[in-house]
């Protein structure tokens, strides 16, 4: 299951009345990750759901010989 699907799964199961422990066991994520993902939609952090591409190397940090 992908990350976005797991976050949606958490929200759906909370509405259905599942406990935190049951949800964590179902998606197999660490406790800290679960509670971070659980709080994302309430905090308006929808942009964090989209994976960002890591920046490439900084050309100015290259040594000039």
N, C-alpha and C. Protein backbone atom coordinates (compact mmCIF):
# COMPACT_ATOMS: atom_id res chain seq x y z
N UNK A 1 0.85 -1.17 0.00
CA UNK A 1 0.00 0.00 0.00
C UNK A 1 0.89 1.24 0.00
N UNK A 2 0.58 2.20 -0.87
CA UNK A 2 1.39 3.42 -0.95
C UNK A 2 1.09 4.36 0.21
N UNK A 3 1.96 5.32 0.39
CA UNK A 3 1.86 6.26 1.50
C UNK A 3 0.53 7.01 1.50
N UNK A 4 0.12 7.56 0.36
CA UNK A 4 -1.13 8.31 0.29
C UNK A 4 -2.32 7.42 0.61
N UNK A 5 -2.26 6.17 0.16
CA UNK A 5 -3.34 5.23 0.44
C UNK A 5 -3.40 4.90 1.93
N UNK A 6 -2.24 4.82 2.58
CA UNK A 6 -2.22 4.54 4.02
C UNK A 6 -2.82 5.69 4.81
N UNK A 7 -2.53 6.92 4.38
CA UNK A 7 -3.08 8.09 5.07
C UNK A 7 -4.59 8.12 4.90
N UNK A 8 -5.08 7.82 3.72
CA UNK A 8 -6.53 7.77 3.49
C UNK A 8 -7.14 6.63 4.30
N UNK A 9 -6.46 5.48 4.37
CA UNK A 9 -6.93 4.34 5.15
C UNK A 9 -7.09 4.72 6.61
N UNK A 10 -6.12 5.45 7.15
CA UNK A 10 -6.19 5.90 8.55
C UNK A 10 -7.44 6.73 8.77
N UNK A 11 -7.68 7.70 7.91
CA UNK A 11 -8.84 8.58 8.07
C UNK A 11 -10.15 7.81 7.99
N UNK A 12 -10.24 6.87 7.06
CA UNK A 12 -11.48 6.08 6.90
C UNK A 12 -11.72 5.21 8.13
N UNK A 13 -10.68 4.54 8.61
CA UNK A 13 -10.85 3.63 9.75
C UNK A 13 -11.14 4.39 11.04
N UNK A 14 -10.63 5.62 11.18
CA UNK A 14 -10.97 6.42 12.35
C UNK A 14 -12.45 6.76 12.36
N UNK A 15 -13.00 7.07 11.19
CA UNK A 15 -14.43 7.37 11.08
C UNK A 15 -15.25 6.11 11.41
N UNK A 16 -14.74 4.94 11.00
CA UNK A 16 -15.44 3.69 11.27
C UNK A 16 -15.33 3.24 12.72
N UNK A 17 -14.47 3.90 13.51
CA UNK A 17 -14.36 3.59 14.93
C UNK A 17 -13.25 2.65 15.31
N UNK A 18 -12.29 2.40 14.44
CA UNK A 18 -11.16 1.54 14.76
C UNK A 18 -10.28 2.22 15.80
N UNK A 19 -9.59 1.45 16.61
CA UNK A 19 -8.65 2.02 17.59
C UNK A 19 -7.32 2.31 16.90
N UNK A 20 -6.52 3.16 17.52
CA UNK A 20 -5.21 3.51 16.96
C UNK A 20 -4.33 2.26 16.81
N UNK A 21 -4.35 1.39 17.79
CA UNK A 21 -3.51 0.20 17.76
C UNK A 21 -3.91 -0.71 16.60
N UNK A 22 -5.21 -0.90 16.40
CA UNK A 22 -5.67 -1.77 15.31
C UNK A 22 -5.28 -1.21 13.94
N UNK A 23 -5.37 0.10 13.79
CA UNK A 23 -5.00 0.72 12.51
C UNK A 23 -3.50 0.57 12.27
N UNK A 24 -2.70 0.83 13.30
CA UNK A 24 -1.24 0.70 13.17
C UNK A 24 -0.84 -0.71 12.81
N UNK A 25 -1.48 -1.69 13.40
CA UNK A 25 -1.17 -3.08 13.08
C UNK A 25 -1.57 -3.43 11.65
N UNK A 26 -2.68 -2.85 11.19
CA UNK A 26 -3.16 -3.16 9.84
C UNK A 26 -2.22 -2.62 8.77
N UNK A 27 -1.67 -1.42 8.98
CA UNK A 27 -0.80 -0.82 7.96
C UNK A 27 0.69 -0.99 8.27
N UNK A 28 1.00 -1.51 9.44
CA UNK A 28 2.38 -1.83 9.83
C UNK A 28 3.33 -0.64 9.72
N UNK A 29 3.04 0.41 10.47
CA UNK A 29 3.92 1.58 10.52
C UNK A 29 4.29 1.84 11.98
N UNK A 30 5.43 2.49 12.21
CA UNK A 30 5.82 2.85 13.57
C UNK A 30 4.82 3.83 14.19
N UNK A 31 4.81 3.85 15.51
CA UNK A 31 3.87 4.71 16.26
C UNK A 31 4.02 6.17 15.88
N UNK A 32 5.23 6.67 15.81
CA UNK A 32 5.45 8.09 15.50
C UNK A 32 4.96 8.44 14.10
N UNK A 33 5.20 7.55 13.14
CA UNK A 33 4.74 7.78 11.76
C UNK A 33 3.22 7.80 11.72
N UNK A 34 2.60 6.87 12.42
CA UNK A 34 1.14 6.80 12.44
C UNK A 34 0.53 8.10 12.95
N UNK A 35 1.02 8.59 14.09
CA UNK A 35 0.43 9.80 14.66
C UNK A 35 0.74 11.04 13.82
N UNK A 36 1.88 11.05 13.14
CA UNK A 36 2.18 12.15 12.21
C UNK A 36 1.19 12.14 11.05
N UNK A 37 1.00 10.96 10.45
CA UNK A 37 0.06 10.85 9.33
C UNK A 37 -1.37 11.11 9.77
N UNK A 38 -1.73 10.68 10.97
CA UNK A 38 -3.08 10.87 11.49
C UNK A 38 -3.41 12.36 11.61
N UNK A 39 -2.43 13.17 11.99
CA UNK A 39 -2.67 14.59 12.20
C UNK A 39 -2.52 15.45 10.96
N UNK A 40 -2.03 14.91 9.87
CA UNK A 40 -1.78 15.72 8.67
C UNK A 40 -3.03 16.41 8.13
N UNK A 41 -4.11 15.72 7.85
CA UNK A 41 -5.28 16.40 7.27
C UNK A 41 -5.89 17.45 8.19
N UNK A 42 -5.85 17.25 9.51
CA UNK A 42 -6.41 18.24 10.42
C UNK A 42 -5.58 19.52 10.44
N UNK A 43 -4.30 19.41 10.19
CA UNK A 43 -3.41 20.57 10.22
C UNK A 43 -3.33 21.28 8.88
N UNK A 44 -4.02 20.77 7.88
CA UNK A 44 -3.99 21.40 6.57
C UNK A 44 -2.69 21.18 5.82
N UNK A 45 -2.01 20.09 6.10
CA UNK A 45 -0.72 19.82 5.46
C UNK A 45 -0.90 18.93 4.24
N UNK A 46 -1.85 19.26 3.39
CA UNK A 46 -2.09 18.45 2.21
C UNK A 46 -0.91 18.48 1.25
N UNK A 47 -0.15 19.56 1.23
CA UNK A 47 1.01 19.65 0.35
C UNK A 47 2.06 18.61 0.74
N UNK A 48 2.10 18.23 2.01
CA UNK A 48 3.08 17.25 2.46
C UNK A 48 2.75 15.84 1.96
N UNK A 49 1.53 15.63 1.48
CA UNK A 49 1.16 14.33 0.96
C UNK A 49 1.80 14.04 -0.38
N UNK A 50 2.19 15.09 -1.08
CA UNK A 50 2.80 14.95 -2.39
C UNK A 50 4.30 14.79 -2.19
N UNK A 51 4.85 13.75 -2.75
CA UNK A 51 6.29 13.54 -2.61
C UNK A 51 7.04 14.56 -3.46
N UNK A 52 7.96 15.23 -2.82
CA UNK A 52 8.75 16.22 -3.54
C UNK A 52 10.05 15.59 -4.01
N UNK A 53 10.53 16.07 -5.13
CA UNK A 53 11.79 15.57 -5.66
C UNK A 53 12.93 16.23 -4.90
N UNK A 54 13.93 15.46 -4.55
CA UNK A 54 15.08 16.01 -3.84
C UNK A 54 15.87 16.89 -4.80
N UNK A 55 16.40 18.00 -4.30
CA UNK A 55 17.19 18.87 -5.17
C UNK A 55 18.50 18.21 -5.56
N UNK A 56 18.99 18.57 -6.71
CA UNK A 56 20.26 18.03 -7.19
C UNK A 56 21.43 18.71 -6.51
N UNK A 57 22.63 18.38 -6.92
CA UNK A 57 23.80 18.99 -6.30
C UNK A 57 23.86 20.49 -6.61
N UNK A 58 24.38 21.22 -5.65
CA UNK A 58 24.53 22.66 -5.80
C UNK A 58 25.79 22.93 -6.62
N UNK A 59 25.68 23.56 -7.80
CA UNK A 59 26.87 23.77 -8.63
C UNK A 59 27.88 24.70 -7.98
N UNK A 60 27.44 25.54 -7.05
CA UNK A 60 28.37 26.48 -6.41
C UNK A 60 29.19 25.82 -5.30
N UNK A 61 28.80 24.65 -4.89
CA UNK A 61 29.54 23.98 -3.82
C UNK A 61 30.68 23.12 -4.38
N UNK A 62 30.82 23.03 -5.70
CA UNK A 62 31.89 22.26 -6.32
C UNK A 62 33.23 23.00 -6.13
N UNK A 63 34.25 22.25 -5.91
CA UNK A 63 35.58 22.87 -5.76
C UNK A 63 36.09 23.32 -7.12
N UNK A 64 36.61 24.50 -7.15
CA UNK A 64 37.19 25.03 -8.39
C UNK A 64 38.70 24.93 -8.24
N UNK A 65 39.33 24.19 -9.15
CA UNK A 65 40.78 24.01 -9.07
C UNK A 65 41.48 24.83 -10.12
